[in-house]
């Protein structure tokens, strides 16, 4: 039996009604008391001291709330998604997409993960790995790894999951959101079978019926990655000057991780070192201060 929630606050009723047999609901009042009611509008109205017709009318104008109650039967739009997105996250997403674009045109090849050929999940894992974020190898595993978010919450750098050639509810393809638009669409970069690494739009006929869900790994992993970097810093001190004005790049480092550790920004490091891209290499010495 599925459960829907009806929130009652300051006279506003959010009613999730669906033509199902045996649908139950929960009602939360302004005093935060929670109790269950059956699927009868009359019984709901009786308890809430409202007219049944009023409750029924409100349900039509709040149809979107159904998506929050039954995300598995929609495009996984969630009203309670954590939409925390910091300036550091935005800068990382910008750098990630800039790096991802460098591989546009590289051909698709099944079970490869760059740098010369990619399959879809190989490409996403390759791009994220450059910034110290480790993704699982398959698109379905990445779908379980990422924190699910609603379509209205998507940001640049989020993952978008699709079914494969056969339309189903099973993940078979993955890409990275490039730019969401105000109309609910978005562009995404991915390794496509026919085109290789390219940028596509969510409104393209092939992708519209195949979009399944969205996931975020940027701010979900940021704290754990920073903590791991800090631990590595303790275990293996980097070669820095006594004034802490330079840093020697280690294997697996990214400009984002270095900037976080040293309380600076990616753009500042690039400016000080004359870098035109986010690419760095082990052994490279970077100025952190003028």
Protein backbone atom coordinates (compact mmCIF):
# COMPACT_ATOMS: atom_id res chain seq x y z
CA UNK A 1 0.00 0.00 0.00
CA UNK A 2 1.40 3.39 -0.99
CA UNK A 3 1.38 6.34 1.39
CA UNK A 4 0.75 9.93 0.39
CA UNK A 5 1.08 12.97 2.64
CA UNK A 6 -1.41 15.76 3.13
CA UNK A 7 0.09 18.82 4.77
CA UNK A 8 -2.24 21.23 6.54
CA UNK A 9 -0.65 24.55 7.41
CA UNK A 10 -2.29 27.96 7.78
CA UNK A 11 -5.38 26.70 6.02
CA UNK A 12 -3.45 25.34 3.01
CA UNK A 13 -4.15 21.73 2.10
CA UNK A 14 -1.70 19.83 -0.11
CA UNK A 15 -3.69 16.85 -1.30
CA UNK A 16 -2.22 13.98 -3.23
CA UNK A 17 -4.99 12.01 -4.86
CA UNK A 18 -4.55 9.22 -7.35
CA UNK A 19 -7.08 6.80 -8.80
CA UNK A 20 -5.74 3.77 -6.98
CA UNK A 21 -7.57 1.23 -4.90
CA UNK A 22 -6.40 1.21 -1.32
CA UNK A 23 -4.53 4.51 -1.38
CA UNK A 24 -3.88 5.74 2.14
CA UNK A 25 -2.79 9.17 3.26
CA UNK A 26 -1.24 10.92 6.21
CA UNK A 27 -2.35 14.31 7.46
CA UNK A 28 -0.05 16.69 9.31
CA UNK A 29 -1.75 19.56 11.12
CA UNK A 30 -0.30 22.88 12.19
CA UNK A 31 0.47 21.35 15.56
CA UNK A 32 2.55 18.73 13.76
CA UNK A 33 0.28 15.89 14.87
CA UNK A 34 0.25 13.13 12.26
CA UNK A 35 -2.60 10.72 11.70
CA UNK A 36 -3.78 8.40 8.96
CA UNK A 37 -7.03 8.67 7.06
CA UNK A 38 -8.71 6.48 4.51
CA UNK A 39 -9.15 7.47 0.88
CA UNK A 40 -12.56 9.02 1.43
CA UNK A 41 -12.78 12.78 0.92
CA UNK A 42 -15.78 12.80 3.26
CA UNK A 43 -13.77 11.31 6.13
CA UNK A 44 -10.85 13.69 5.44
CA UNK A 45 -13.20 16.66 5.46
CA UNK A 46 -14.91 15.47 8.63
CA UNK A 47 -11.65 15.29 10.54
CA UNK A 48 -10.31 18.55 9.17
CA UNK A 49 -13.60 20.42 9.48
CA UNK A 50 -13.55 21.37 5.81
CA UNK A 51 -15.93 20.82 2.93
CA UNK A 52 -15.20 17.75 0.83
CA UNK A 53 -15.77 19.75 -2.34
CA UNK A 54 -13.07 22.20 -1.27
CA UNK A 55 -10.57 19.38 -0.75
CA UNK A 56 -11.37 17.89 -4.13
CA UNK A 57 -10.92 21.22 -5.89
CA UNK A 58 -7.55 21.79 -4.30
CA UNK A 59 -6.27 18.41 -5.47
CA UNK A 60 -6.52 19.47 -9.11
CA UNK A 61 -4.32 22.53 -8.63
CA UNK A 62 -1.69 20.53 -6.73
CA UNK A 63 -1.22 17.64 -9.12
CA UNK A 64 2.53 18.23 -9.22
CA UNK A 65 2.74 17.14 -5.59
CA UNK A 66 2.02 13.61 -6.75
CA UNK A 67 5.51 13.50 -8.19
CA UNK A 68 7.03 13.95 -4.76
CA UNK A 69 4.94 11.13 -3.30
CA UNK A 70 5.56 8.61 -6.11
CA UNK A 71 8.98 9.40 -7.61
CA UNK A 72 9.39 5.91 -9.03
CA UNK A 73 6.46 6.50 -11.36
CA UNK A 74 7.57 9.90 -12.64
CA UNK A 75 10.86 11.38 -13.76
CA UNK A 76 12.08 11.30 -10.16
CA UNK A 77 11.12 14.86 -9.30
CA UNK A 78 11.56 15.30 -5.57
CA UNK A 79 10.33 18.30 -3.59
CA UNK A 80 12.58 17.56 -0.66
CA UNK A 81 15.83 17.34 -2.62
CA UNK A 82 18.83 18.95 -0.97
CA UNK A 83 19.45 21.94 -3.23
CA UNK A 84 22.54 23.19 -1.42
CA UNK A 85 24.92 24.37 -4.13
CA UNK A 86 27.82 26.53 -3.02
CA UNK A 87 30.08 28.86 -4.95
CA UNK A 88 32.82 26.21 -4.67
CA UNK A 89 30.45 23.69 -6.25
CA UNK A 90 29.71 26.10 -9.09
CA UNK A 91 33.39 26.69 -9.78
CA UNK A 92 34.07 22.96 -9.76
CA UNK A 93 31.17 22.35 -12.15
CA UNK A 94 32.48 25.05 -14.51
CA UNK A 95 35.94 23.49 -14.50
CA UNK A 96 34.49 20.01 -14.96
CA UNK A 97 32.51 20.98 -18.05
CA UNK A 98 35.47 22.90 -19.49
CA UNK A 99 37.59 19.78 -19.10
CA UNK A 100 34.86 17.51 -20.48
CA UNK A 101 34.58 19.62 -23.63
CA UNK A 102 38.22 18.95 -24.48
CA UNK A 103 37.26 15.42 -25.53
CA UNK A 104 34.42 16.31 -27.89
CA UNK A 105 34.80 14.27 -31.05
CA UNK A 106 36.62 11.33 -29.43
CA UNK A 107 35.02 8.12 -30.74
CA UNK A 108 32.81 5.74 -28.80
CA UNK A 109 34.12 2.29 -28.04
CA UNK A 110 32.44 -0.15 -25.67
CA UNK A 111 34.18 -0.84 -22.34
CA UNK A 112 36.81 1.90 -22.72
CA UNK A 113 37.45 4.86 -20.47
CA UNK A 114 39.78 7.19 -22.35
CA UNK A 115 41.63 9.13 -23.16
CA UNK A 116 41.30 8.24 -26.85
CA UNK A 117 38.00 6.33 -26.85
CA UNK A 118 35.13 6.10 -24.37
CA UNK A 119 31.88 4.38 -23.63
CA UNK A 120 29.29 6.45 -21.77
CA UNK A 121 30.17 5.54 -18.18
CA UNK A 122 33.86 5.38 -19.03
CA UNK A 123 33.63 8.99 -20.13
CA UNK A 124 31.81 10.26 -17.03
CA UNK A 125 34.16 8.39 -14.69
CA UNK A 126 37.18 9.70 -16.62
CA UNK A 127 36.03 13.32 -16.40
CA UNK A 128 35.12 13.19 -12.72
CA UNK A 129 38.33 11.33 -11.83
CA UNK A 130 40.33 14.32 -13.07
CA UNK A 131 38.78 16.27 -10.19
CA UNK A 132 39.33 13.60 -7.57
CA UNK A 133 35.79 12.18 -7.66
CA UNK A 134 35.65 8.45 -8.22
CA UNK A 135 32.63 7.05 -9.97
CA UNK A 136 31.66 3.40 -10.40
CA UNK A 137 32.41 1.87 -13.76
CA UNK A 138 28.92 1.17 -15.17
CA UNK A 139 26.07 3.62 -15.78
CA UNK A 140 23.69 1.62 -13.58
CA UNK A 141 26.20 1.60 -10.71
CA UNK A 142 26.71 5.34 -11.11
CA UNK A 143 22.94 5.71 -10.93
CA UNK A 144 22.95 4.05 -7.52
CA UNK A 145 26.06 5.90 -6.38
CA UNK A 146 24.82 9.41 -7.13
CA UNK A 147 22.41 11.23 -4.85
CA UNK A 148 19.07 11.34 -6.68
CA UNK A 149 17.70 14.82 -7.31
CA UNK A 150 14.61 16.15 -9.01
CA UNK A 151 14.63 17.56 -12.51
CA UNK A 152 13.81 21.03 -11.25
CA UNK A 153 16.92 20.94 -9.06
CA UNK A 154 19.49 19.94 -11.70
CA UNK A 155 22.66 21.98 -12.04
CA UNK A 156 25.66 22.04 -14.31
CA UNK A 157 27.83 19.01 -13.57
CA UNK A 158 25.02 16.73 -12.41
CA UNK A 159 24.59 13.29 -13.96
CA UNK A 160 21.61 12.41 -16.12
CA UNK A 161 20.59 8.77 -16.58
CA UNK A 162 18.74 7.22 -19.50
CA UNK A 163 17.42 3.84 -20.50
CA UNK A 164 19.30 2.13 -23.31
CA UNK A 165 18.19 1.61 -26.88
CA UNK A 166 15.18 -0.31 -25.65
CA UNK A 167 13.00 2.05 -23.63
CA UNK A 168 12.64 0.72 -20.08
CA UNK A 169 13.13 1.68 -16.44
CA UNK A 170 16.65 0.25 -16.43
CA UNK A 171 19.65 2.60 -16.69
CA UNK A 172 21.67 2.00 -19.82
CA UNK A 173 23.27 5.37 -20.55
CA UNK A 174 24.67 8.36 -18.65
CA UNK A 175 25.74 11.92 -19.44
CA UNK A 176 26.75 15.11 -17.65
CA UNK A 177 24.43 18.12 -17.52
CA UNK A 178 26.02 21.15 -19.23
CA UNK A 179 23.33 23.82 -19.02
CA UNK A 180 19.79 23.54 -17.61
CA UNK A 181 17.34 26.05 -19.03
CA UNK A 182 14.34 27.78 -17.49
CA UNK A 183 11.90 25.72 -19.56
CA UNK A 184 12.98 22.48 -17.88
CA UNK A 185 15.24 21.30 -20.68
CA UNK A 186 19.00 20.94 -20.59
CA UNK A 187 22.04 20.21 -22.69
CA UNK A 188 24.31 17.34 -21.70
CA UNK A 189 27.69 16.02 -22.77
CA UNK A 190 28.14 12.29 -23.21
CA UNK A 191 29.77 9.52 -25.22
CA UNK A 192 27.16 8.50 -27.80
CA UNK A 193 27.45 5.30 -29.83
CA UNK A 194 27.15 7.01 -33.22
CA UNK A 195 28.66 10.43 -32.55
CA UNK A 196 31.27 9.76 -29.87
CA UNK A 197 31.70 12.50 -27.27
CA UNK A 198 29.21 15.22 -28.11
CA UNK A 199 26.68 17.65 -26.64
CA UNK A 200 22.99 16.82 -27.04
CA UNK A 201 19.73 18.40 -25.88
CA UNK A 202 17.09 16.79 -23.70
CA UNK A 203 14.37 17.70 -26.21
CA UNK A 204 15.85 15.52 -28.96
CA UNK A 205 13.30 12.90 -29.95
CA UNK A 206 15.54 9.95 -29.14
CA UNK A 207 16.24 11.07 -25.56
CA UNK A 208 12.85 12.43 -24.45
CA UNK A 209 11.28 9.02 -23.66
CA UNK A 210 14.51 7.60 -22.26
CA UNK A 211 15.29 10.10 -19.48
CA UNK A 212 15.03 8.23 -16.18
CA UNK A 213 16.64 10.21 -13.37
CA UNK A 214 19.27 12.69 -12.25
CA UNK A 215 22.06 12.44 -9.71
CA UNK A 216 24.58 14.70 -7.97
CA UNK A 217 28.05 13.73 -6.85
CA UNK A 218 29.76 17.11 -6.68
CA UNK A 219 28.70 18.46 -3.29
CA UNK A 220 27.73 14.99 -2.07
CA UNK A 221 31.38 13.87 -2.22
CA UNK A 222 33.08 17.21 -1.66
CA UNK A 223 33.49 16.88 2.10
CA UNK A 224 34.67 13.27 1.98
CA UNK A 225 37.17 14.06 -0.78
CA UNK A 226 38.54 17.06 1.09
CA UNK A 227 38.85 14.98 4.24
CA UNK A 228 40.73 12.29 2.31
CA UNK A 229 43.06 14.91 0.83
CA UNK A 230 43.73 16.35 4.27
CA UNK A 231 44.53 12.89 5.61
CA UNK A 232 46.90 12.26 2.72
CA UNK A 233 48.53 15.60 3.46
CA UNK A 234 49.28 14.41 6.98
CA UNK A 235 50.56 11.02 5.90
CA UNK A 236 52.69 12.33 3.03
CA UNK A 237 53.60 15.99 3.40
CA UNK A 238 53.87 17.80 0.12
CA UNK A 239 57.04 19.54 -0.95
CA UNK A 240 56.29 23.15 -0.04
CA UNK A 241 58.45 26.11 0.78
CA UNK A 242 58.69 27.24 4.39
CA UNK A 243 56.39 30.13 3.59
CA UNK A 244 53.81 27.78 2.06
CA UNK A 245 53.83 29.81 -1.15
CA UNK A 246 54.35 26.87 -3.54
CA UNK A 247 52.95 23.38 -3.88
CA UNK A 248 54.19 20.31 -5.74
CA UNK A 249 51.41 18.44 -7.50
CA UNK A 250 50.92 14.79 -6.53
CA UNK A 251 49.29 11.95 -8.45
CA UNK A 252 45.49 12.34 -8.33
CA UNK A 253 45.58 16.03 -7.44
CA UNK A 254 43.19 18.49 -9.06
CA UNK A 255 43.23 22.27 -8.96
CA UNK A 256 39.93 22.14 -7.10
CA UNK A 257 41.32 19.92 -4.32
CA UNK A 258 44.51 21.99 -4.03
CA UNK A 259 42.53 25.22 -3.82
CA UNK A 260 40.29 23.78 -1.10
CA UNK A 261 43.24 22.60 0.99
CA UNK A 262 45.06 25.91 0.79
CA UNK A 263 42.07 28.20 1.23
CA UNK A 264 42.28 29.78 -2.20
CA UNK A 265 40.44 29.50 -5.50
CA UNK A 266 41.06 27.64 -8.75
CA UNK A 267 41.03 30.92 -10.67
CA UNK A 268 43.62 32.42 -8.32
CA UNK A 269 45.99 29.49 -8.80
CA UNK A 270 45.54 29.63 -12.58
CA UNK A 271 46.23 33.36 -12.57
CA UNK A 272 49.39 33.03 -10.48
CA UNK A 273 50.75 30.24 -12.67
CA UNK A 274 49.62 31.45 -16.08
CA UNK A 275 47.42 28.39 -16.62
CA UNK A 276 44.87 28.51 -19.42
CA UNK A 277 43.22 25.21 -18.45
CA UNK A 278 42.69 23.03 -15.38
CA UNK A 279 45.26 20.48 -16.53
CA UNK A 280 48.11 19.83 -14.11
CA UNK A 281 50.67 17.02 -13.86
CA UNK A 282 52.44 15.23 -10.98
CA UNK A 283 55.67 16.97 -10.05
CA UNK A 284 54.51 20.36 -11.32
CA UNK A 285 55.22 23.22 -8.90
CA UNK A 286 52.42 25.72 -8.42
CA UNK A 287 52.56 29.16 -6.87
CA UNK A 288 49.90 29.60 -4.20
CA UNK A 289 50.87 33.12 -3.17
CA UNK A 290 52.37 36.07 -5.05
